[in-house]
N, C-alpha and C. Protein backbone atom coordinates (compact mmCIF):
# COMPACT_ATOMS: atom_id res chain seq x y z
N UNK A 1 19.56 61.05 16.51
CA UNK A 1 19.78 60.89 14.93
C UNK A 1 19.16 60.24 14.43
N UNK A 2 18.85 60.56 13.33
CA UNK A 2 18.02 60.23 12.09
C UNK A 2 18.80 60.07 11.31
N UNK A 3 18.71 58.94 10.00
CA UNK A 3 18.73 58.68 8.84
C UNK A 3 17.97 59.34 8.22
N UNK A 4 17.88 60.26 7.23
CA UNK A 4 16.63 60.41 6.11
C UNK A 4 17.09 60.38 4.61
N UNK A 5 15.94 59.73 4.13
CA UNK A 5 16.04 59.56 2.62
C UNK A 5 15.15 61.00 1.89
N UNK A 6 15.35 61.86 1.31
CA UNK A 6 15.00 62.51 0.64
C UNK A 6 15.05 62.90 -1.09
N UNK A 7 14.54 62.16 -1.64
CA UNK A 7 14.60 61.83 -3.33
C UNK A 7 13.88 63.16 -3.90
N UNK A 8 13.30 63.81 -3.34
CA UNK A 8 12.38 65.03 -3.96
C UNK A 8 11.83 65.65 -3.28
N UNK A 9 12.14 66.15 -1.94
CA UNK A 9 11.75 67.03 -1.10
C UNK A 9 10.75 66.51 0.08
N UNK A 10 10.12 65.39 -0.09
CA UNK A 10 9.68 64.63 0.53
C UNK A 10 10.34 63.52 1.89
N UNK A 11 11.13 64.14 2.45
CA UNK A 11 12.07 63.63 3.52
C UNK A 11 11.23 62.00 4.32
N UNK A 12 11.76 60.91 4.18
CA UNK A 12 11.35 60.03 5.37
C UNK A 12 12.31 59.51 5.77
N UNK A 13 12.19 58.92 7.06
CA UNK A 13 13.62 58.03 7.82
C UNK A 13 13.67 56.88 7.55
N UNK A 14 14.84 56.79 7.22
CA UNK A 14 15.22 55.36 6.80
C UNK A 14 15.96 54.49 8.13
N UNK A 15 16.20 55.16 9.31
CA UNK A 15 16.88 54.54 10.55
C UNK A 15 16.90 55.66 11.42
N UNK A 16 16.40 55.46 13.10
CA UNK A 16 16.15 56.57 13.90
C UNK A 16 17.13 56.13 14.95
N UNK A 17 17.59 54.54 14.73
CA UNK A 17 18.99 54.25 15.81
C UNK A 17 20.17 54.20 14.72
N UNK A 18 21.07 55.12 15.24
CA UNK A 18 22.00 55.42 14.53
C UNK A 18 23.52 55.04 15.05
N UNK A 19 24.34 54.24 14.69
CA UNK A 19 25.76 54.02 15.24
C UNK A 19 26.68 54.58 13.92
N UNK A 20 27.93 54.89 14.83
CA UNK A 20 29.05 55.30 14.19
C UNK A 20 30.15 54.51 13.83
N UNK A 21 30.64 53.78 12.67
CA UNK A 21 31.89 53.08 13.30
C UNK A 21 33.21 54.04 12.68
N UNK A 22 33.84 54.87 13.74
CA UNK A 22 34.49 55.76 13.21
C UNK A 22 36.47 55.16 13.33
N UNK A 23 36.52 54.22 14.26
CA UNK A 23 37.88 53.71 14.34
C UNK A 23 37.98 52.97 13.53
N UNK A 24 39.66 52.39 13.15
CA UNK A 24 40.09 51.21 12.33
C UNK A 24 39.10 49.98 12.59
N UNK A 25 39.51 49.82 14.18
CA UNK A 25 38.66 48.50 14.65
C UNK A 25 37.12 48.36 14.77
N UNK A 26 36.48 49.85 14.86
CA UNK A 26 34.60 49.33 14.42
C UNK A 26 34.49 49.60 12.95
N UNK A 27 35.31 50.23 12.14
CA UNK A 27 34.99 49.96 10.86
C UNK A 27 35.56 48.29 10.19
N UNK A 28 36.61 48.12 10.55
CA UNK A 28 36.92 46.53 10.32
C UNK A 28 36.11 45.49 10.89
N UNK A 29 35.55 45.52 11.65
CA UNK A 29 34.49 45.17 12.37
C UNK A 29 32.97 45.01 11.99
N UNK A 30 32.78 46.48 11.71
CA UNK A 30 31.36 46.41 11.22
C UNK A 30 30.27 45.61 12.24
N UNK A 31 29.20 45.08 10.80
CA UNK A 31 28.43 44.55 11.55
C UNK A 31 28.34 42.96 11.72
N UNK A 32 29.49 42.23 11.47
CA UNK A 32 30.32 40.96 12.06
C UNK A 32 30.13 40.21 13.39
N UNK A 33 29.58 39.05 13.48
CA UNK A 33 29.18 38.81 14.83
C UNK A 33 27.81 38.86 15.26
N UNK A 34 27.29 40.19 15.00
CA UNK A 34 26.19 40.15 15.59
C UNK A 34 24.73 38.78 15.27
N UNK A 35 23.92 38.89 15.90
CA UNK A 35 22.90 37.93 15.22
C UNK A 35 21.83 38.83 14.77
N UNK A 36 21.71 39.66 15.08
CA UNK A 36 20.98 40.40 14.38
C UNK A 36 20.96 42.18 14.25
N UNK A 37 20.18 43.00 13.78
CA UNK A 37 20.04 44.19 14.19
C UNK A 37 18.81 44.95 14.27
N UNK A 38 17.89 45.90 14.81
CA UNK A 38 17.04 46.08 14.83
C UNK A 38 16.52 46.59 13.36
N UNK A 39 15.06 46.89 13.11
CA UNK A 39 14.53 47.23 12.16
C UNK A 39 14.97 48.53 11.71
N UNK A 40 15.29 49.92 12.44
CA UNK A 40 15.32 50.95 12.30
C UNK A 40 16.52 51.16 12.70
N UNK A 41 17.85 50.41 12.09
CA UNK A 41 19.29 50.63 12.84
C UNK A 41 19.73 50.86 11.61
N UNK A 42 21.08 51.88 11.55
CA UNK A 42 21.97 52.06 10.54
C UNK A 42 23.43 52.25 11.19
N UNK A 43 24.15 51.48 10.44
CA UNK A 43 25.68 51.71 10.92
C UNK A 43 26.43 52.88 9.84
N UNK A 44 26.94 54.11 10.40
CA UNK A 44 27.47 54.74 9.21
C UNK A 44 28.85 54.76 9.58
N UNK A 45 29.87 54.68 8.14
CA UNK A 45 31.13 54.96 8.23
C UNK A 45 31.33 56.08 7.55
N UNK A 46 32.31 56.94 8.55
CA UNK A 46 32.27 57.99 7.91
C UNK A 46 33.74 57.89 7.50
N UNK A 47 34.17 58.65 6.65
CA UNK A 47 35.89 59.00 6.04
C UNK A 47 36.57 60.35 5.61
N UNK A 48 36.73 60.57 5.64
CA UNK A 48 37.94 61.64 5.58
C UNK A 48 37.34 62.35 4.10
N UNK A 49 37.72 61.66 2.99
CA UNK A 49 37.54 62.08 1.75
C UNK A 49 36.88 60.61 1.08
N UNK A 50 36.52 61.04 -0.07
CA UNK A 50 35.66 60.11 -1.20
C UNK A 50 36.90 59.44 -1.89
N UNK A 51 36.72 58.14 -1.76
CA UNK A 51 37.87 56.98 -2.18
C UNK A 51 36.91 55.75 -2.35
N UNK A 52 37.55 55.03 -3.06
CA UNK A 52 36.59 53.51 -3.03
C UNK A 52 36.79 52.60 -1.86
N UNK A 53 35.49 52.55 -1.31
CA UNK A 53 35.39 51.59 -0.08
C UNK A 53 34.70 50.57 -0.10
N UNK A 54 35.44 49.42 -0.08
CA UNK A 54 35.03 48.01 0.07
C UNK A 54 33.91 47.82 1.19
N UNK A 55 33.13 46.47 0.69
CA UNK A 55 32.23 46.04 2.22
C UNK A 55 32.20 44.89 1.59
N UNK A 56 32.67 43.83 2.93
CA UNK A 56 32.48 42.68 2.47
C UNK A 56 31.46 42.15 3.87
N UNK A 57 30.50 40.67 3.61
CA UNK A 57 29.65 39.90 4.25
C UNK A 57 30.41 38.82 4.88
N UNK A 58 31.58 38.71 5.12
CA UNK A 58 31.95 37.75 5.76
C UNK A 58 31.64 38.20 7.64
N UNK A 59 31.18 36.74 8.03
CA UNK A 59 30.67 36.32 9.40
C UNK A 59 29.80 37.50 9.61
N UNK A 60 28.98 38.25 8.81
CA UNK A 60 27.66 38.64 8.62
C UNK A 60 26.27 37.87 8.45
N UNK A 61 25.87 37.99 9.21
CA UNK A 61 24.63 36.61 9.24
C UNK A 61 22.98 36.78 8.56
N UNK A 62 22.83 38.27 8.10
CA UNK A 62 21.65 38.77 7.16
C UNK A 62 21.75 39.42 6.35
N UNK A 63 21.37 39.82 5.61
CA UNK A 63 21.27 40.81 4.48
C UNK A 63 21.32 41.83 4.87
N UNK A 64 22.22 43.07 3.95
CA UNK A 64 22.30 44.33 4.37
C UNK A 64 21.97 45.10 2.92
N UNK A 65 21.58 46.47 2.92
CA UNK A 65 21.47 47.30 2.35
C UNK A 65 22.76 48.32 2.25
N UNK A 66 23.34 48.28 1.48
CA UNK A 66 24.28 49.18 1.57
C UNK A 66 24.52 50.73 0.55
N UNK A 67 24.59 51.73 1.43
CA UNK A 67 24.36 53.02 -0.04
C UNK A 67 26.20 53.21 0.63
N UNK A 68 26.51 54.06 -1.06
CA UNK A 68 27.97 54.41 -0.64
C UNK A 68 27.46 56.23 -1.34
N UNK A 69 27.48 56.94 -0.52
CA UNK A 69 27.22 58.37 -0.33
C UNK A 69 29.12 59.29 -1.02
N UNK A 70 28.57 60.24 -1.48
CA UNK A 70 29.64 61.34 -1.45
C UNK A 70 28.86 62.66 -1.75
N UNK A 71 29.14 63.35 -0.44
CA UNK A 71 28.37 64.63 -0.16
C UNK A 71 26.93 64.47 -0.03
N UNK A 72 26.21 63.56 0.91
CA UNK A 72 25.33 62.97 0.70
C UNK A 72 24.30 62.81 -0.02
N UNK A 73 24.66 62.82 -1.49
CA UNK A 73 24.38 61.95 -2.38
C UNK A 73 24.59 60.81 -2.68
N UNK A 74 23.76 59.64 -3.32
CA UNK A 74 24.08 58.19 -3.38
C UNK A 74 24.71 58.18 -4.60
N UNK A 75 25.71 57.47 -4.40
CA UNK A 75 26.91 56.95 -5.65
C UNK A 75 26.10 55.84 -6.05
N UNK A 76 25.88 54.84 -5.12
CA UNK A 76 25.53 53.13 -5.09
C UNK A 76 24.55 52.83 -4.17
N UNK A 77 23.70 51.79 -4.97
CA UNK A 77 22.73 50.97 -3.59
C UNK A 77 23.09 49.81 -4.00
N UNK A 78 23.50 48.99 -3.25
CA UNK A 78 23.09 47.25 -2.95
C UNK A 78 22.93 46.45 -1.60
N UNK A 79 22.20 45.31 -2.09
CA UNK A 79 21.43 44.52 -0.88
C UNK A 79 22.44 43.44 -1.45
N UNK A 80 23.51 42.93 -0.37
CA UNK A 80 24.54 42.38 0.11
C UNK A 80 24.10 40.97 0.99
N UNK A 81 24.45 39.89 0.62
CA UNK A 81 23.54 38.62 1.21
C UNK A 81 24.62 38.54 2.27
N UNK A 82 23.88 37.33 3.21
CA UNK A 82 24.98 37.02 4.28
C UNK A 82 26.28 36.34 3.84
N UNK A 83 27.27 36.22 4.46
CA UNK A 83 28.40 35.61 4.23
C UNK A 83 29.03 35.71 2.58
N UNK A 84 28.43 35.84 1.57
CA UNK A 84 29.00 35.75 0.56
C UNK A 84 29.03 36.85 -0.51
N UNK A 85 28.48 38.01 0.11
CA UNK A 85 28.56 39.29 -0.96
C UNK A 85 29.67 40.03 -0.87
N UNK A 86 29.93 41.19 -1.50
CA UNK A 86 30.92 42.05 -1.33
C UNK A 86 30.48 43.23 -2.63
N UNK A 87 30.99 44.22 -2.01
CA UNK A 87 30.32 45.20 -2.84
C UNK A 87 31.79 46.41 -2.57
N UNK A 88 31.25 47.41 -3.98
CA UNK A 88 32.18 48.55 -3.33
C UNK A 88 32.04 50.06 -4.50
N UNK A 89 32.55 50.81 -3.99
CA UNK A 89 31.81 52.02 -4.77
C UNK A 89 32.70 53.50 -4.16
N UNK A 90 32.78 54.33 -5.20
CA UNK A 90 33.18 55.72 -4.36
C UNK A 90 32.42 56.20 -3.24
N UNK A 91 32.98 56.72 -2.00
CA UNK A 91 32.00 57.28 -1.14
C UNK A 91 32.74 57.78 -0.09
N UNK A 92 32.38 59.03 0.37
CA UNK A 92 33.14 59.59 1.87
C UNK A 92 32.33 59.14 2.96
N UNK A 93 31.18 58.29 2.63
CA UNK A 93 30.08 57.94 3.54
C UNK A 93 29.69 56.29 3.13
N UNK A 94 29.58 55.74 3.68
CA UNK A 94 29.06 54.18 3.83
C UNK A 94 28.17 53.97 4.92
N UNK A 95 26.74 53.55 4.64
CA UNK A 95 25.73 53.19 5.59
C UNK A 95 25.50 51.67 5.36
N UNK A 96 25.18 50.98 6.15
CA UNK A 96 25.13 49.73 6.33
C UNK A 96 23.36 49.60 7.12
N UNK A 97 22.49 49.28 6.38
CA UNK A 97 20.81 49.37 6.62
C UNK A 97 20.45 47.69 6.85
N UNK A 98 19.44 47.31 7.43
CA UNK A 98 18.93 45.85 7.50
C UNK A 98 18.41 46.08 6.26
N UNK A 99 18.50 44.60 5.78
CA UNK A 99 18.31 44.32 4.14
C UNK A 99 16.74 44.65 3.80
N UNK A 100 16.29 45.81 2.65
CA UNK A 100 15.26 45.84 2.53
C UNK A 100 14.89 47.13 2.82
N UNK A 101 15.56 47.78 4.12
CA UNK A 101 15.01 49.36 4.14
C UNK A 101 15.20 50.23 3.40
N UNK A 102 16.43 50.03 2.05
CA UNK A 102 16.85 50.98 1.28
C UNK A 102 16.02 50.59 -0.61
N UNK A 103 15.11 50.04 -0.31
CA UNK A 103 14.48 49.39 -1.65
C UNK A 103 14.30 50.49 -2.48
N UNK A 104 13.59 51.66 -2.09
CA UNK A 104 13.32 53.11 -2.80
C UNK A 104 14.25 53.94 -2.86
N UNK A 105 15.69 53.50 -2.46
CA UNK A 105 16.64 54.49 -2.50
C UNK A 105 17.17 54.48 -3.92
N UNK A 106 17.83 55.42 -4.77
CA UNK A 106 18.40 55.17 -6.02
C UNK A 106 19.58 56.12 -6.34
N UNK A 107 20.56 55.87 -6.81
CA UNK A 107 21.51 56.62 -7.27
C UNK A 107 21.07 58.31 -7.61
N UNK A 108 22.17 59.23 -7.02
CA UNK A 108 21.55 60.61 -7.22
C UNK A 108 20.49 60.91 -6.19
N UNK A 109 19.94 59.90 -5.16
CA UNK A 109 19.09 60.45 -4.22
C UNK A 109 19.92 60.98 -3.17
N UNK A 110 19.32 62.21 -2.37
CA UNK A 110 20.36 62.43 -1.16
C UNK A 110 19.91 61.83 -0.04
N UNK A 111 20.65 61.51 1.04
CA UNK A 111 20.61 60.43 2.08
C UNK A 111 21.28 61.81 3.10
N UNK A 112 20.84 62.03 4.20
CA UNK A 112 21.35 62.66 5.66
C UNK A 112 21.22 62.52 6.88
N UNK A 113 22.08 62.36 7.41
CA UNK A 113 22.00 62.51 8.74
C UNK A 113 21.03 63.95 9.67
N UNK A 114 20.24 63.54 10.58
CA UNK A 114 19.87 64.85 11.46
C UNK A 114 19.84 64.54 12.58
N UNK A 115 19.77 65.69 13.59
CA UNK A 115 19.42 65.14 14.74
C UNK A 115 18.50 65.58 15.43
């Protein structure tokens, strides 16, 4: 599974190691308590429908780039700092990446999962 950024038909991988947080417990824990994640890693939070999704950085020890998507279209992109940041936007999918990974991702871009 790969996470691909496709802003204008020139797709490039954002992550090649993709993990899903599907259960309430997995989504609640997210990346808390981990000491690090690989550079090519993504944690994907799938939801049944688009609604306001809140991300916090309590107990997260490293910066994250967070993407909020609706139907693969980026609604918001934010870099959150360890321990003190929060972010929210409407999404049916939220993706957490290592800080700096999504520096060229913009609202309106397409980000999709490919097998």
